[in-house]
Amino acid sequence: MNPLLKVPMALVRAFSIPVRTLKNKVPEAQKIFQEDNGLPVHIKGGTFDVLLYRATMTLTITGACYSVYWLLLASLPQKKKA
Protein backbone atom coordinates (compact mmCIF):
# COMPACT_ATOMS: atom_id res chain seq x y z
CA MET A 1 0.00 0.00 0.00
CA ASN A 2 1.25 3.45 -0.90
CA PRO A 3 2.28 5.49 2.23
CA LEU A 4 1.04 8.69 0.59
CA LEU A 5 -2.53 7.42 0.78
CA LYS A 6 -2.36 7.37 4.59
CA VAL A 7 -1.64 11.10 4.88
CA PRO A 8 -5.09 12.36 3.84
CA MET A 9 -6.79 9.96 6.28
CA ALA A 10 -4.63 11.30 9.12
CA LEU A 11 -5.59 14.84 8.17
CA VAL A 12 -9.26 13.92 8.08
CA ARG A 13 -9.03 12.44 11.56
CA ALA A 14 -7.16 15.47 12.89
CA PHE A 15 -9.83 17.88 11.68
CA SER A 16 -12.85 15.78 12.60
CA ILE A 17 -12.87 16.84 16.28
CA PRO A 18 -16.35 17.94 17.31
CA VAL A 19 -16.57 21.67 18.00
CA ARG A 20 -18.24 21.11 21.38
CA THR A 21 -15.12 19.52 22.85
CA LEU A 22 -13.06 22.70 22.43
CA LYS A 23 -13.16 25.13 25.35
CA ASN A 24 -13.78 28.79 24.64
CA LYS A 25 -10.80 30.71 26.07
CA VAL A 26 -11.93 34.16 24.92
CA PRO A 27 -13.65 35.20 28.19
CA GLU A 28 -10.48 34.38 30.18
CA ALA A 29 -8.35 36.44 27.79
CA GLN A 30 -10.84 39.32 27.95
CA LYS A 31 -10.55 39.40 31.73
CA ILE A 32 -6.75 39.57 31.52
CA PHE A 33 -6.59 42.24 28.83
CA GLN A 34 -9.44 44.43 30.11
CA GLU A 35 -8.41 44.71 33.76
CA ASP A 36 -7.08 48.11 34.75
CA ASN A 37 -3.61 47.40 36.16
CA GLY A 38 -1.69 50.22 34.48
CA LEU A 39 0.16 47.97 32.01
CA PRO A 40 0.13 48.62 28.27
CA VAL A 41 -1.93 46.07 26.35
CA HIS A 42 1.10 44.65 24.51
CA ILE A 43 2.65 43.33 27.75
CA LYS A 44 -0.47 42.26 29.68
CA GLY A 45 -0.05 38.68 28.49
CA GLY A 46 2.90 37.97 30.78
CA THR A 47 6.59 37.18 30.45
CA PHE A 48 6.35 35.79 26.92
CA ASP A 49 4.71 39.00 25.68
CA VAL A 50 7.40 41.13 27.33
CA LEU A 51 10.19 39.04 25.73
CA LEU A 52 8.47 39.12 22.34
CA TYR A 53 8.01 42.90 22.58
CA ARG A 54 11.66 43.47 23.53
CA ALA A 55 12.93 41.16 20.77
CA THR A 56 10.74 42.95 18.22
CA MET A 57 11.92 46.38 19.34
CA THR A 58 15.57 45.25 19.32
CA LEU A 59 15.28 43.89 15.78
CA THR A 60 13.44 47.02 14.62
CA ILE A 61 15.99 49.45 16.07
CA THR A 62 18.93 47.34 14.86
CA GLY A 63 17.46 47.15 11.37
CA ALA A 64 16.80 50.89 11.26
CA CYS A 65 20.36 51.69 12.39
CA TYR A 66 21.79 49.23 9.85
CA SER A 67 19.74 50.85 7.08
CA VAL A 68 20.86 54.37 8.05
CA TYR A 69 24.49 53.18 8.15
CA TRP A 70 24.32 51.84 4.59
CA LEU A 71 22.47 54.94 3.35
CA LEU A 72 25.18 57.16 4.83
CA LEU A 73 27.89 54.93 3.37
CA ALA A 74 26.25 55.08 -0.06
CA SER A 75 25.96 58.87 0.09
CA LEU A 76 29.69 59.43 0.64
CA PRO A 77 31.86 60.07 -2.41
CA GLN A 78 33.67 57.04 -3.77
CA LYS A 79 37.45 56.82 -3.41
CA LYS A 80 39.20 57.12 -6.75
CA LYS A 81 41.32 54.16 -7.71
CA ALA A 82 44.88 54.96 -8.79
C-alpha atoms as a PDB file:
ATOM      1  CA  MET A   1       0.000   0.000   0.000  1.00  0.00           C
ATOM      2  CA  ASN A   2       1.250   3.454  -0.897  1.00  0.00           C
ATOM      3  CA  PRO A   3       2.283   5.489   2.228  1.00  0.00           C
ATOM      4  CA  LEU A   4       1.042   8.690   0.586  1.00  0.00           C
ATOM      5  CA  LEU A   5      -2.535   7.424   0.780  1.00  0.00           C
ATOM      6  CA  LYS A   6      -2.360   7.371   4.594  1.00  0.00           C
ATOM      7  CA  VAL A   7      -1.636  11.102   4.884  1.00  0.00           C
ATOM      8  CA  PRO A   8      -5.089  12.358   3.842  1.00  0.00           C
ATOM      9  CA  MET A   9      -6.786   9.963   6.284  1.00  0.00           C
ATOM     10  CA  ALA A  10      -4.628  11.296   9.122  1.00  0.00           C
ATOM     11  CA  LEU A  11      -5.593  14.844   8.169  1.00  0.00           C
ATOM     12  CA  VAL A  12      -9.264  13.916   8.078  1.00  0.00           C
ATOM     13  CA  ARG A  13      -9.029  12.436  11.563  1.00  0.00           C
ATOM     14  CA  ALA A  14      -7.156  15.472  12.889  1.00  0.00           C
ATOM     15  CA  PHE A  15      -9.826  17.885  11.679  1.00  0.00           C
ATOM     16  CA  SER A  16     -12.847  15.783  12.603  1.00  0.00           C
ATOM     17  CA  ILE A  17     -12.870  16.842  16.285  1.00  0.00           C
ATOM     18  CA  PRO A  18     -16.355  17.938  17.314  1.00  0.00           C
ATOM     19  CA  VAL A  19     -16.575  21.669  17.998  1.00  0.00           C
ATOM     20  CA  ARG A  20     -18.242  21.110  21.376  1.00  0.00           C
ATOM     21  CA  THR A  21     -15.115  19.522  22.855  1.00  0.00           C
ATOM     22  CA  LEU A  22     -13.063  22.700  22.425  1.00  0.00           C
ATOM     23  CA  LYS A  23     -13.156  25.126  25.350  1.00  0.00           C
ATOM     24  CA  ASN A  24     -13.784  28.789  24.643  1.00  0.00           C
ATOM     25  CA  LYS A  25     -10.798  30.714  26.068  1.00  0.00           C
ATOM     26  CA  VAL A  26     -11.926  34.158  24.923  1.00  0.00           C
ATOM     27  CA  PRO A  27     -13.651  35.204  28.193  1.00  0.00           C
ATOM     28  CA  GLU A  28     -10.484  34.385  30.175  1.00  0.00           C
ATOM     29  CA  ALA A  29      -8.352  36.437  27.791  1.00  0.00           C
ATOM     30  CA  GLN A  30     -10.840  39.316  27.947  1.00  0.00           C
ATOM     31  CA  LYS A  31     -10.554  39.402  31.729  1.00  0.00           C
ATOM     32  CA  ILE A  32      -6.755  39.570  31.522  1.00  0.00           C
ATOM     33  CA  PHE A  33      -6.587  42.243  28.827  1.00  0.00           C
ATOM     34  CA  GLN A  34      -9.444  44.435  30.105  1.00  0.00           C
ATOM     35  CA  GLU A  35      -8.414  44.714  33.755  1.00  0.00           C
ATOM     36  CA  ASP A  36      -7.080  48.114  34.752  1.00  0.00           C
ATOM     37  CA  ASN A  37      -3.611  47.403  36.156  1.00  0.00           C
ATOM     38  CA  GLY A  38      -1.689  50.221  34.481  1.00  0.00           C
ATOM     39  CA  LEU A  39       0.156  47.974  32.008  1.00  0.00           C
ATOM     40  CA  PRO A  40       0.131  48.618  28.269  1.00  0.00           C
ATOM     41  CA  VAL A  41      -1.930  46.073  26.353  1.00  0.00           C
ATOM     42  CA  HIS A  42       1.096  44.654  24.514  1.00  0.00           C
ATOM     43  CA  ILE A  43       2.645  43.332  27.748  1.00  0.00           C
ATOM     44  CA  LYS A  44      -0.466  42.259  29.679  1.00  0.00           C
ATOM     45  CA  GLY A  45      -0.053  38.679  28.490  1.00  0.00           C
ATOM     46  CA  GLY A  46       2.896  37.969  30.776  1.00  0.00           C
ATOM     47  CA  THR A  47       6.588  37.178  30.446  1.00  0.00           C
ATOM     48  CA  PHE A  48       6.353  35.789  26.917  1.00  0.00           C
ATOM     49  CA  ASP A  49       4.707  38.995  25.679  1.00  0.00           C
ATOM     50  CA  VAL A  50       7.404  41.129  27.328  1.00  0.00           C
ATOM     51  CA  LEU A  51      10.186  39.044  25.729  1.00  0.00           C
ATOM     52  CA  LEU A  52       8.470  39.120  22.343  1.00  0.00           C
ATOM     53  CA  TYR A  53       8.010  42.902  22.581  1.00  0.00           C
ATOM     54  CA  ARG A  54      11.661  43.468  23.526  1.00  0.00           C
ATOM     55  CA  ALA A  55      12.927  41.157  20.773  1.00  0.00           C
ATOM     56  CA  THR A  56      10.739  42.947  18.222  1.00  0.00           C
ATOM     57  CA  MET A  57      11.922  46.380  19.342  1.00  0.00           C
ATOM     58  CA  THR A  58      15.568  45.250  19.321  1.00  0.00           C
ATOM     59  CA  LEU A  59      15.277  43.890  15.777  1.00  0.00           C
ATOM     60  CA  THR A  60      13.440  47.017  14.621  1.00  0.00           C
ATOM     61  CA  ILE A  61      15.989  49.446  16.071  1.00  0.00           C
ATOM     62  CA  THR A  62      18.929  47.336  14.861  1.00  0.00           C
ATOM     63  CA  GLY A  63      17.463  47.150  11.366  1.00  0.00           C
ATOM     64  CA  ALA A  64      16.801  50.890  11.260  1.00  0.00           C
ATOM     65  CA  CYS A  65      20.362  51.687  12.388  1.00  0.00           C
ATOM     66  CA  TYR A  66      21.794  49.232   9.846  1.00  0.00           C
ATOM     67  CA  SER A  67      19.735  50.845   7.076  1.00  0.00           C
ATOM     68  CA  VAL A  68      20.862  54.366   8.054  1.00  0.00           C
ATOM     69  CA  TYR A  69      24.491  53.179   8.151  1.00  0.00           C
ATOM     70  CA  TRP A  70      24.321  51.840   4.590  1.00  0.00           C
ATOM     71  CA  LEU A  71      22.469  54.937   3.352  1.00  0.00           C
ATOM     72  CA  LEU A  72      25.180  57.160   4.828  1.00  0.00           C
ATOM     73  CA  LEU A  73      27.892  54.930   3.372  1.00  0.00           C
ATOM     74  CA  ALA A  74      26.251  55.077  -0.062  1.00  0.00           C
ATOM     75  CA  SER A  75      25.957  58.872   0.088  1.00  0.00           C
ATOM     76  CA  LEU A  76      29.688  59.432   0.640  1.00  0.00           C
ATOM     77  CA  PRO A  77      31.861  60.066  -2.414  1.00  0.00           C
ATOM     78  CA  GLN A  78      33.674  57.042  -3.772  1.00  0.00           C
ATOM     79  CA  LYS A  79      37.449  56.823  -3.414  1.00  0.00           C
ATOM     80  CA  LYS A  80      39.204  57.124  -6.754  1.00  0.00           C
ATOM     81  CA  LYS A  81      41.324  54.163  -7.712  1.00  0.00           C
ATOM     82  CA  ALA A  82      44.877  54.958  -8.795  1.00  0.00           C
END
